[in-house]
């Protein structure tokens, strides 16, 4: 069975909702959302700068409110990229949010 490419968490192979501890499952989901949101937050200025670079200087850019709509579109694109797996920032954040794994010594 193939794993879901939309799930960017290291826990993609297990369903956190089926764990014995509902609080732990809720924490895992909360951490995954926070990691994706953080990645989108970091991607937004990068994508906005790229959009400004390649858009050039058009009459539409000078329309009142155009920059607001451009920023909303850029934020939506960043959220979509992060939800689709992003560039790996969310996975790095999740790795640090998870409790350390302790081996049983054997």
PDB file of N, CA and C in Angstrom:
ATOM      1  N   UNK A   1       0.847  -1.180   0.000  1.00  0.00           N
ATOM      2  CA  UNK A   1       0.000   0.000   0.000  1.00  0.00           C
ATOM      3  C   UNK A   1       0.885   1.233   0.000  1.00  0.00           C
ATOM      4  N   UNK A   2       0.590   2.196  -0.854  1.00  0.00           N
ATOM      5  CA  UNK A   2       1.361   3.416  -0.940  1.00  0.00           C
ATOM      6  C   UNK A   2       0.948   4.373   0.162  1.00  0.00           C
ATOM      7  N   UNK A   3       1.941   5.125   0.671  1.00  0.00           N
ATOM      8  CA  UNK A   3       1.608   6.107   1.689  1.00  0.00           C
ATOM      9  C   UNK A   3       1.023   7.341   1.028  1.00  0.00           C
ATOM     10  N   UNK A   4       0.273   8.091   1.786  1.00  0.00           N
ATOM     11  CA  UNK A   4      -0.381   9.292   1.293  1.00  0.00           C
ATOM     12  C   UNK A   4       0.666  10.386   1.080  1.00  0.00           C
ATOM     13  N   UNK A   5       0.872  10.866  -0.159  1.00  0.00           N
ATOM     14  CA  UNK A   5       1.877  11.890  -0.397  1.00  0.00           C
ATOM     15  C   UNK A   5       1.502  13.231   0.221  1.00  0.00           C
ATOM     16  N   UNK A   6       0.243  13.410   0.615  1.00  0.00           N
ATOM     17  CA  UNK A   6      -0.176  14.664   1.221  1.00  0.00           C
ATOM     18  C   UNK A   6       0.186  14.730   2.701  1.00  0.00           C
ATOM     19  N   UNK A   7       0.534  13.612   3.311  1.00  0.00           N
ATOM     20  CA  UNK A   7       0.876  13.580   4.717  1.00  0.00           C
ATOM     21  C   UNK A   7       2.370  13.803   4.850  1.00  0.00           C
ATOM     22  N   UNK A   8       2.768  14.922   5.442  1.00  0.00           N
ATOM     23  CA  UNK A   8       4.179  15.291   5.523  1.00  0.00           C
ATOM     24  C   UNK A   8       4.826  14.883   6.833  1.00  0.00           C
ATOM     25  N   UNK A   9       4.116  14.147   7.649  1.00  0.00           N
ATOM     26  CA  UNK A   9       4.658  13.821   8.955  1.00  0.00           C
ATOM     27  C   UNK A   9       5.479  12.548   8.923  1.00  0.00           C
ATOM     28  N   UNK A  10       6.492  12.478   9.799  1.00  0.00           N
ATOM     29  CA  UNK A  10       7.238  11.228   9.914  1.00  0.00           C
ATOM     30  C   UNK A  10       6.365  10.092  10.411  1.00  0.00           C
ATOM     31  N   UNK A  11       5.219  10.418  10.993  1.00  0.00           N
ATOM     32  CA  UNK A  11       4.309   9.390  11.498  1.00  0.00           C
ATOM     33  C   UNK A  11       3.309   8.959  10.436  1.00  0.00           C
ATOM     34  N   UNK A  12       3.625   9.212   9.167  1.00  0.00           N
ATOM     35  CA  UNK A  12       2.687   8.910   8.086  1.00  0.00           C
ATOM     36  C   UNK A  12       2.356   7.427   8.008  1.00  0.00           C
ATOM     37  N   UNK A  13       3.257   6.562   8.480  1.00  0.00           N
ATOM     38  CA  UNK A  13       3.009   5.133   8.384  1.00  0.00           C
ATOM     39  C   UNK A  13       2.029   4.641   9.443  1.00  0.00           C
ATOM     40  N   UNK A  14       1.757   5.453  10.445  1.00  0.00           N
ATOM     41  CA  UNK A  14       0.781   5.072  11.458  1.00  0.00           C
ATOM     42  C   UNK A  14      -0.268   6.160  11.567  1.00  0.00           C
ATOM     43  N   UNK A  15      -1.453   5.763  11.925  1.00  0.00           N
ATOM     44  CA  UNK A  15      -2.532   6.724  12.075  1.00  0.00           C
ATOM     45  C   UNK A  15      -2.566   7.173  13.528  1.00  0.00           C
ATOM     46  N   UNK A  16      -2.287   8.466  13.802  1.00  0.00           N
ATOM     47  CA  UNK A  16      -2.265   8.909  15.197  1.00  0.00           C
ATOM     48  C   UNK A  16      -3.619   8.821  15.868  1.00  0.00           C
ATOM     49  N   UNK A  17      -4.680   8.728  15.089  1.00  0.00           N
ATOM     50  CA  UNK A  17      -6.003   8.646  15.689  1.00  0.00           C
ATOM     51  C   UNK A  17      -6.293   7.269  16.267  1.00  0.00           C
ATOM     52  N   UNK A  18      -5.481   6.270  15.910  1.00  0.00           N
ATOM     53  CA  UNK A  18      -5.713   4.924  16.418  1.00  0.00           C
ATOM     54  C   UNK A  18      -4.805   4.581  17.596  1.00  0.00           C
ATOM     55  N   UNK A  19      -4.026   5.541  18.087  1.00  0.00           N
ATOM     56  CA  UNK A  19      -3.172   5.267  19.236  1.00  0.00           C
ATOM     57  C   UNK A  19      -4.046   5.103  20.471  1.00  0.00           C
ATOM     58  N   UNK A  20      -3.489   4.436  21.483  1.00  0.00           N
ATOM     59  CA  UNK A  20      -4.243   4.152  22.698  1.00  0.00           C
ATOM     60  C   UNK A  20      -4.544   5.416  23.491  1.00  0.00           C
ATOM     61  N   UNK A  21      -3.691   6.430  23.360  1.00  0.00           N
ATOM     62  CA  UNK A  21      -3.836   7.652  24.131  1.00  0.00           C
ATOM     63  C   UNK A  21      -4.428   8.758  23.249  1.00  0.00           C
ATOM     64  N   UNK A  22      -5.697   9.121  23.461  1.00  0.00           N
ATOM     65  CA  UNK A  22      -6.310  10.167  22.625  1.00  0.00           C
ATOM     66  C   UNK A  22      -5.605  11.514  22.751  1.00  0.00           C
ATOM     67  N   UNK A  23      -5.058  11.806  23.926  1.00  0.00           N
ATOM     68  CA  UNK A  23      -4.341  13.073  24.106  1.00  0.00           C
ATOM     69  C   UNK A  23      -3.079  13.089  23.258  1.00  0.00           C
ATOM     70  N   UNK A  24      -2.407  11.949  23.173  1.00  0.00           N
ATOM     71  CA  UNK A  24      -1.199  11.864  22.350  1.00  0.00           C
ATOM     72  C   UNK A  24      -1.550  12.006  20.873  1.00  0.00           C
ATOM     73  N   UNK A  25      -2.651  11.405  20.455  1.00  0.00           N
ATOM     74  CA  UNK A  25      -3.083  11.515  19.063  1.00  0.00           C
ATOM     75  C   UNK A  25      -3.416  12.965  18.719  1.00  0.00           C
ATOM     76  N   UNK A  26      -4.081  13.641  19.642  1.00  0.00           N
ATOM     77  CA  UNK A  26      -4.425  15.045  19.427  1.00  0.00           C
ATOM     78  C   UNK A  26      -3.158  15.901  19.349  1.00  0.00           C
ATOM     79  N   UNK A  27      -2.180  15.594  20.190  1.00  0.00           N
ATOM     80  CA  UNK A  27      -0.921  16.343  20.181  1.00  0.00           C
ATOM     81  C   UNK A  27      -0.168  16.130  18.874  1.00  0.00           C
ATOM     82  N   UNK A  28      -0.190  14.911  18.346  1.00  0.00           N
ATOM     83  CA  UNK A  28       0.483  14.613  17.082  1.00  0.00           C
ATOM     84  C   UNK A  28      -0.151  15.420  15.953  1.00  0.00           C
ATOM     85  N   UNK A  29      -1.485  15.418  15.891  1.00  0.00           N
ATOM     86  CA  UNK A  29      -2.184  16.180  14.852  1.00  0.00           C
ATOM     87  C   UNK A  29      -1.927  17.678  14.984  1.00  0.00           C
ATOM     88  N   UNK A  30      -1.901  18.154  16.206  1.00  0.00           N
ATOM     89  CA  UNK A  30      -1.637  19.581  16.454  1.00  0.00           C
ATOM     90  C   UNK A  30      -0.218  19.946  16.004  1.00  0.00           C
ATOM     91  N   UNK A  31       0.748  19.083  16.314  1.00  0.00           N
ATOM     92  CA  UNK A  31       2.129  19.326  15.906  1.00  0.00           C
ATOM     93  C   UNK A  31       2.281  19.302  14.386  1.00  0.00           C
ATOM     94  N   UNK A  32       1.584  18.375  13.736  1.00  0.00           N
ATOM     95  CA  UNK A  32       1.664  18.288  12.276  1.00  0.00           C
ATOM     96  C   UNK A  32       1.096  19.550  11.629  1.00  0.00           C
ATOM     97  N   UNK A  33      -0.024  20.046  12.144  1.00  0.00           N
ATOM     98  CA  UNK A  33      -0.612  21.273  11.609  1.00  0.00           C
ATOM     99  C   UNK A  33       0.315  22.460  11.859  1.00  0.00           C
ATOM    100  N   UNK A  34       0.880  22.538  13.048  1.00  0.00           N
ATOM    101  CA  UNK A  34       1.781  23.642  13.373  1.00  0.00           C
ATOM    102  C   UNK A  34       3.008  23.624  12.466  1.00  0.00           C
ATOM    103  N   UNK A  35       3.541  22.448  12.191  1.00  0.00           N
ATOM    104  CA  UNK A  35       4.716  22.333  11.325  1.00  0.00           C
ATOM    105  C   UNK A  35       4.389  22.760   9.898  1.00  0.00           C
ATOM    106  N   UNK A  36       3.229  22.343   9.381  1.00  0.00           N
ATOM    107  CA  UNK A  36       2.824  22.763   8.026  1.00  0.00           C
ATOM    108  C   UNK A  36       2.582  24.269   7.963  1.00  0.00           C
ATOM    109  N   UNK A  37       1.935  24.817   8.992  1.00  0.00           N
ATOM    110  CA  UNK A  37       1.676  26.256   9.020  1.00  0.00           C
ATOM    111  C   UNK A  37       2.976  27.050   9.094  1.00  0.00           C
ATOM    112  N   UNK A  38       3.933  26.552   9.866  1.00  0.00           N
ATOM    113  CA  UNK A  38       5.232  27.224   9.973  1.00  0.00           C
ATOM    114  C   UNK A  38       5.956  27.203   8.635  1.00  0.00           C
ATOM    115  N   UNK A  39       5.913  26.067   7.951  1.00  0.00           N
ATOM    116  CA  UNK A  39       6.554  25.983   6.638  1.00  0.00           C
ATOM    117  C   UNK A  39       5.894  26.957   5.667  1.00  0.00           C
ATOM    118  N   UNK A  40       4.579  27.040   5.682  1.00  0.00           N
ATOM    119  CA  UNK A  40       3.865  27.978   4.803  1.00  0.00           C
ATOM    120  C   UNK A  40       4.245  29.416   5.133  1.00  0.00           C
ATOM    121  N   UNK A  41       4.395  29.695   6.417  1.00  0.00           N
ATOM    122  CA  UNK A  41       4.795  31.037   6.845  1.00  0.00           C
ATOM    123  C   UNK A  41       6.173  31.398   6.287  1.00  0.00           C
ATOM    124  N   UNK A  42       7.084  30.447   6.278  1.00  0.00           N
ATOM    125  CA  UNK A  42       8.420  30.694   5.741  1.00  0.00           C
ATOM    126  C   UNK A  42       8.428  30.764   4.216  1.00  0.00           C
ATOM    127  N   UNK A  43       7.554  30.013   3.576  1.00  0.00           N
ATOM    128  CA  UNK A  43       7.497  30.009   2.110  1.00  0.00           C
ATOM    129  C   UNK A  43       6.859  31.273   1.533  1.00  0.00           C
ATOM    130  N   UNK A  44       5.958  31.909   2.285  1.00  0.00           N
ATOM    131  CA  UNK A  44       5.214  33.050   1.762  1.00  0.00           C
ATOM    132  C   UNK A  44       6.113  34.180   1.256  1.00  0.00           C
ATOM    133  N   UNK A  45       7.082  34.682   2.028  1.00  0.00           N
ATOM    134  CA  UNK A  45       7.904  35.775   1.493  1.00  0.00           C
ATOM    135  C   UNK A  45       8.774  35.353   0.304  1.00  0.00           C
ATOM    136  N   UNK A  46       9.188  34.096   0.288  1.00  0.00           N
ATOM    137  CA  UNK A  46       9.988  33.603  -0.837  1.00  0.00           C
ATOM    138  C   UNK A  46       9.148  33.597  -2.108  1.00  0.00           C
ATOM    139  N   UNK A  47       7.942  33.054  -2.010  1.00  0.00           N
ATOM    140  CA  UNK A  47       7.052  33.009  -3.167  1.00  0.00           C
ATOM    141  C   UNK A  47       6.622  34.409  -3.597  1.00  0.00           C
ATOM    142  N   UNK A  48       6.408  35.300  -2.627  1.00  0.00           N
ATOM    143  CA  UNK A  48       6.019  36.669  -2.959  1.00  0.00           C
ATOM    144  C   UNK A  48       7.140  37.375  -3.722  1.00  0.00           C
ATOM    145  N   UNK A  49       8.368  37.194  -3.292  1.00  0.00           N
ATOM    146  CA  UNK A  49       9.503  37.801  -3.992  1.00  0.00           C
ATOM    147  C   UNK A  49       9.634  37.236  -5.403  1.00  0.00           C
ATOM    148  N   UNK A  50       9.436  35.938  -5.550  1.00  0.00           N
ATOM    149  CA  UNK A  50       9.490  35.332  -6.885  1.00  0.00           C
ATOM    150  C   UNK A  50       8.387  35.873  -7.781  1.00  0.00           C
ATOM    151  N   UNK A  51       7.192  36.014  -7.217  1.00  0.00           N
ATOM    152  CA  UNK A  51       6.075  36.515  -8.008  1.00  0.00           C
ATOM    153  C   UNK A  51       6.345  37.943  -8.465  1.00  0.00           C
ATOM    154  N   UNK A  52       6.868  38.776  -7.582  1.00  0.00           N
ATOM    155  CA  UNK A  52       7.175  40.161  -7.943  1.00  0.00           C
ATOM    156  C   UNK A  52       8.251  40.210  -9.034  1.00  0.00           C
ATOM    157  N   UNK A  53       9.227  39.327  -8.935  1.00  0.00           N
ATOM    158  CA  UNK A  53      10.316  39.305  -9.908  1.00  0.00           C
ATOM    159  C   UNK A  53       9.820  38.945 -11.297  1.00  0.00           C
ATOM    160  N   UNK A  54       8.985  37.931 -11.382  1.00  0.00           N
ATOM    161  CA  UNK A  54       8.562  37.444 -12.685  1.00  0.00           C
ATOM    162  C   UNK A  54       7.322  38.159 -13.235  1.00  0.00           C
ATOM    163  N   UNK A  55       6.596  38.886 -12.397  1.00  0.00           N
ATOM    164  CA  UNK A  55       5.394  39.570 -12.858  1.00  0.00           C
ATOM    165  C   UNK A  55       5.743  40.831 -13.642  1.00  0.00           C
ATOM    166  N   UNK A  56       6.867  41.424 -13.321  1.00  0.00           N
ATOM    167  CA  UNK A  56       7.220  42.662 -14.007  1.00  0.00           C
ATOM    168  C   UNK A  56       6.371  43.814 -13.508  1.00  0.00           C
ATOM    169  N   UNK A  57       6.364  44.900 -14.261  1.00  0.00           N
ATOM    170  CA  UNK A  57       5.611  46.088 -13.879  1.00  0.00           C
ATOM    171  C   UNK A  57       4.418  46.220 -14.816  1.00  0.00           C
ATOM    172  N   UNK A  58       3.250  45.906 -14.312  1.00  0.00           N
ATOM    173  CA  UNK A  58       2.050  45.976 -15.152  1.00  0.00           C
ATOM    174  C   UNK A  58       1.076  47.000 -14.585  1.00  0.00           C
ATOM    175  N   UNK A  59       0.102  47.347 -15.395  1.00  0.00           N
ATOM    176  CA  UNK A  59      -0.927  48.287 -14.949  1.00  0.00           C
ATOM    177  C   UNK A  59      -1.749  47.686 -13.813  1.00  0.00           C
ATOM    178  N   UNK A  60      -1.945  46.373 -13.853  1.00  0.00           N
ATOM    179  CA  UNK A  60      -2.726  45.706 -12.810  1.00  0.00           C
ATOM    180  C   UNK A  60      -2.065  45.826 -11.443  1.00  0.00           C
ATOM    181  N   UNK A  61      -0.736  45.860 -11.403  1.00  0.00           N
ATOM    182  CA  UNK A  61      -0.022  45.940 -10.133  1.00  0.00           C
ATOM    183  C   UNK A  61      -0.268  47.270  -9.435  1.00  0.00           C
ATOM    184  N   UNK A  62      -0.649  48.284 -10.185  1.00  0.00           N
ATOM    185  CA  UNK A  62      -0.878  49.613  -9.604  1.00  0.00           C
ATOM    186  C   UNK A  62      -2.334  49.827  -9.183  1.00  0.00           C
ATOM    187  N   UNK A  63      -3.185  48.856  -9.438  1.00  0.00           N
ATOM    188  CA  UNK A  63      -4.588  48.946  -9.051  1.00  0.00           C
ATOM    189  C   UNK A  63      -4.693  48.895  -7.529  1.00  0.00           C
ATOM    190  N   UNK A  64      -5.512  49.780  -6.933  1.00  0.00           N
ATOM    191  CA  UNK A  64      -5.657  49.739  -5.470  1.00  0.00           C
ATOM    192  C   UNK A  64      -6.106  48.358  -4.998  1.00  0.00           C
ATOM    193  N   UNK A  65      -5.427  47.840  -4.013  1.00  0.00           N
ATOM    194  CA  UNK A  65      -5.755  46.527  -3.451  1.00  0.00           C
ATOM    195  C   UNK A  65      -5.094  45.363  -4.151  1.00  0.00           C
ATOM    196  N   UNK A  66      -4.412  45.600  -5.256  1.00  0.00           N
ATOM    197  CA  UNK A  66      -3.789  44.506  -6.004  1.00  0.00           C
ATOM    198  C   UNK A  66      -2.735  43.791  -5.169  1.00  0.00           C
ATOM    199  N   UNK A  67      -1.970  44.546  -4.393  1.00  0.00           N
ATOM    200  CA  UNK A  67      -0.930  43.908  -3.582  1.00  0.00           C
ATOM    201  C   UNK A  67      -1.541  43.020  -2.494  1.00  0.00           C
ATOM    202  N   UNK A  68      -2.701  43.432  -1.981  1.00  0.00           N
ATOM    203  CA  UNK A  68      -3.384  42.611  -0.969  1.00  0.00           C
ATOM    204  C   UNK A  68      -3.845  41.287  -1.566  1.00  0.00           C
ATOM    205  N   UNK A  69      -4.435  41.353  -2.749  1.00  0.00           N
ATOM    206  CA  UNK A  69      -4.888  40.128  -3.408  1.00  0.00           C
ATOM    207  C   UNK A  69      -3.707  39.241  -3.797  1.00  0.00           C
ATOM    208  N   UNK A  70      -2.620  39.860  -4.241  1.00  0.00           N
ATOM    209  CA  UNK A  70      -1.427  39.084  -4.595  1.00  0.00           C
ATOM    210  C   UNK A  70      -0.895  38.359  -3.358  1.00  0.00           C
ATOM    211  N   UNK A  71      -0.868  39.059  -2.217  1.00  0.00           N
ATOM    212  CA  UNK A  71      -0.378  38.433  -0.986  1.00  0.00           C
ATOM    213  C   UNK A  71      -1.294  37.290  -0.549  1.00  0.00           C
ATOM    214  N   UNK A  72      -2.619  37.475  -0.675  1.00  0.00           N
ATOM    215  CA  UNK A  72      -3.544  36.391  -0.319  1.00  0.00           C
ATOM    216  C   UNK A  72      -3.325  35.176  -1.217  1.00  0.00           C
ATOM    217  N   UNK A  73      -3.107  35.417  -2.492  1.00  0.00           N
ATOM    218  CA  UNK A  73      -2.852  34.307  -3.418  1.00  0.00           C
ATOM    219  C   UNK A  73      -1.531  33.620  -3.084  1.00  0.00           C
ATOM    220  N   UNK A  74      -0.533  34.412  -2.738  1.00  0.00           N
ATOM    221  CA  UNK A  74       0.770  33.844  -2.380  1.00  0.00           C
ATOM    222  C   UNK A  74       0.661  33.012  -1.105  1.00  0.00           C
ATOM    223  N   UNK A  75      -0.091  33.491  -0.129  1.00  0.00           N
ATOM    224  CA  UNK A  75      -0.288  32.734   1.111  1.00  0.00           C
ATOM    225  C   UNK A  75      -1.033  31.434   0.850  1.00  0.00           C
ATOM    226  N   UNK A  76      -2.033  31.479  -0.009  1.00  0.00           N
ATOM    227  CA  UNK A  76      -2.773  30.262  -0.353  1.00  0.00           C
ATOM    228  C   UNK A  76      -1.864  29.265  -1.061  1.00  0.00           C
ATOM    229  N   UNK A  77      -1.008  29.758  -1.951  1.00  0.00           N
ATOM    230  CA  UNK A  77      -0.071  28.882  -2.643  1.00  0.00           C
ATOM    231  C   UNK A  77       0.911  28.260  -1.654  1.00  0.00           C
ATOM    232  N   UNK A  78       1.416  29.065  -0.722  1.00  0.00           N
ATOM    233  CA  UNK A  78       2.351  28.550   0.278  1.00  0.00           C
ATOM    234  C   UNK A  78       1.688  27.483   1.149  1.00  0.00           C
ATOM    235  N   UNK A  79       0.433  27.717   1.559  1.00  0.00           N
ATOM    236  CA  UNK A  79      -0.304  26.722   2.353  1.00  0.00           C
ATOM    237  C   UNK A  79      -0.489  25.430   1.560  1.00  0.00           C
ATOM    238  N   UNK A  80      -0.796  25.563   0.294  1.00  0.00           N
ATOM    239  CA  UNK A  80      -1.001  24.393  -0.553  1.00  0.00           C
ATOM    240  C   UNK A  80       0.293  23.605  -0.730  1.00  0.00           C
ATOM    241  N   UNK A  81       1.382  24.302  -0.935  1.00  0.00           N
ATOM    242  CA  UNK A  81       2.680  23.631  -1.078  1.00  0.00           C
ATOM    243  C   UNK A  81       3.036  22.903   0.211  1.00  0.00           C
ATOM    244  N   UNK A  82       2.867  23.567   1.345  1.00  0.00           N
ATOM    245  CA  UNK A  82       3.182  22.945   2.634  1.00  0.00           C
ATOM    246  C   UNK A  82       2.295  21.729   2.897  1.00  0.00           C
ATOM    247  N   UNK A  83       0.998  21.830   2.558  1.00  0.00           N
ATOM    248  CA  UNK A  83       0.078  20.709   2.764  1.00  0.00           C
ATOM    249  C   UNK A  83       0.411  19.540   1.848  1.00  0.00           C
ATOM    250  N   UNK A  84       1.003  19.832   0.712  1.00  0.00           N
ATOM    251  CA  UNK A  84       1.347  18.785  -0.254  1.00  0.00           C
ATOM    252  C   UNK A  84       2.711  18.162  -0.018  1.00  0.00           C
ATOM    253  N   UNK A  85       3.348  18.484   1.072  1.00  0.00           N
ATOM    254  CA  UNK A  85       4.654  17.904   1.362  1.00  0.00           C
ATOM    255  C   UNK A  85       5.735  18.948   1.496  1.00  0.00           C
ATOM    256  N   UNK A  86       5.490  20.119   0.950  1.00  0.00           N
ATOM    257  CA  UNK A  86       6.418  21.230   1.115  1.00  0.00           C
ATOM    258  C   UNK A  86       7.810  20.952   0.609  1.00  0.00           C
ATOM    259  N   UNK A  87       8.763  21.614   1.237  1.00  0.00           N
ATOM    260  CA  UNK A  87      10.164  21.466   0.850  1.00  0.00           C
ATOM    261  C   UNK A  87      10.979  20.809   1.958  1.00  0.00           C
ATOM    262  N   UNK A  88      10.297  20.261   2.947  1.00  0.00           N
ATOM    263  CA  UNK A  88      10.977  19.513   3.994  1.00  0.00           C
ATOM    264  C   UNK A  88      11.091  20.218   5.329  1.00  0.00           C
ATOM    265  N   UNK A  89      10.688  21.472   5.387  1.00  0.00           N
ATOM    266  CA  UNK A  89      10.796  22.215   6.644  1.00  0.00           C
ATOM    267  C   UNK A  89       9.865  21.623   7.697  1.00  0.00           C
ATOM    268  N   UNK A  90       8.647  21.286   7.305  1.00  0.00           N
ATOM    269  CA  UNK A  90       7.683  20.719   8.254  1.00  0.00           C
ATOM    270  C   UNK A  90       8.208  19.420   8.847  1.00  0.00           C
ATOM    271  N   UNK A  91       8.844  18.597   8.031  1.00  0.00           N
ATOM    272  CA  UNK A  91       9.390  17.330   8.538  1.00  0.00           C
ATOM    273  C   UNK A  91      10.497  17.578   9.559  1.00  0.00           C
ATOM    274  N   UNK A  92      11.334  18.577   9.312  1.00  0.00           N
ATOM    275  CA  UNK A  92      12.392  18.901  10.271  1.00  0.00           C
ATOM    276  C   UNK A  92      11.807  19.406  11.584  1.00  0.00           C
ATOM    277  N   UNK A  93      10.783  20.240  11.494  1.00  0.00           N
ATOM    278  CA  UNK A  93      10.139  20.755  12.702  1.00  0.00           C
ATOM    279  C   UNK A  93       9.501  19.617  13.478  1.00  0.00           C
ATOM    280  N   UNK A  94       8.805  18.720  12.780  1.00  0.00           N
ATOM    281  CA  UNK A  94       8.158  17.589  13.457  1.00  0.00           C
ATOM    282  C   UNK A  94       9.169  16.692  14.157  1.00  0.00           C
ATOM    283  N   UNK A  95      10.309  16.513  13.539  1.00  0.00           N
ATOM    284  CA  UNK A  95      11.344  15.680  14.146  1.00  0.00           C
ATOM    285  C   UNK A  95      11.759  16.233  15.502  1.00  0.00           C
ATOM    286  N   UNK A  96      11.733  17.557  15.644  1.00  0.00           N
ATOM    287  CA  UNK A  96      12.129  18.175  16.912  1.00  0.00           C
ATOM    288  C   UNK A  96      10.968  18.299  17.897  1.00  0.00           C
ATOM    289  N   UNK A  97       9.742  18.209  17.414  1.00  0.00           N
ATOM    290  CA  UNK A  97       8.587  18.292  18.300  1.00  0.00           C
ATOM    291  C   UNK A  97       8.234  16.955  18.930  1.00  0.00           C
ATOM    292  N   UNK A  98       8.659  15.872  18.301  1.00  0.00           N
ATOM    293  CA  UNK A  98       8.336  14.549  18.821  1.00  0.00           C
ATOM    294  C   UNK A  98       9.212  14.228  20.024  1.00  0.00           C
ATOM    295  N   UNK A  99       8.655  13.517  20.983  1.00  0.00           N
ATOM    296  CA  UNK A  99       9.472  13.107  22.142  1.00  0.00           C
ATOM    297  C   UNK A  99      10.564  12.150  21.683  1.00  0.00           C
ATOM    298  N   UNK A 100      11.708  12.181  22.350  1.00  0.00           N
ATOM    299  CA  UNK A 100      12.796  11.277  21.946  1.00  0.00           C
ATOM    300  C   UNK A 100      12.399   9.818  22.121  1.00  0.00           C
ATOM    301  N   UNK A 101      12.876   8.994  21.215  1.00  0.00           N
ATOM    302  CA  UNK A 101      12.588   7.563  21.288  1.00  0.00           C
ATOM    303  C   UNK A 101      13.638   6.912  22.180  1.00  0.00           C
ATOM    304  N   UNK A 102      13.168   6.167  23.153  1.00  0.00           N
ATOM    305  CA  UNK A 102      14.050   5.500  24.104  1.00  0.00           C
ATOM    306  C   UNK A 102      14.053   4.018  23.784  1.00  0.00           C
ATOM    307  N   UNK A 103      15.236   3.466  23.578  1.00  0.00           N
ATOM    308  CA  UNK A 103      15.319   2.043  23.284  1.00  0.00           C
ATOM    309  C   UNK A 103      15.275   1.263  24.593  1.00  0.00           C
ATOM    310  N   UNK A 104      14.838   0.010  24.484  1.00  0.00           N
ATOM    311  CA  UNK A 104      14.734  -0.824  25.683  1.00  0.00           C
ATOM    312  C   UNK A 104      16.047  -1.516  26.014  1.00  0.00           C
ATOM    313  N   UNK A 105      17.107  -1.177  25.285  1.00  0.00           N
ATOM    314  CA  UNK A 105      18.424  -1.729  25.578  1.00  0.00           C
ATOM    315  C   UNK A 105      18.673  -3.082  24.943  1.00  0.00           C
ATOM    316  N   UNK A 106      17.755  -3.591  24.209  1.00  0.00           N
ATOM    317  CA  UNK A 106      17.935  -4.923  23.672  1.00  0.00           C
ATOM    318  C   UNK A 106      17.663  -4.957  22.275  1.00  0.00           C
TER     319      UNK A 106
END
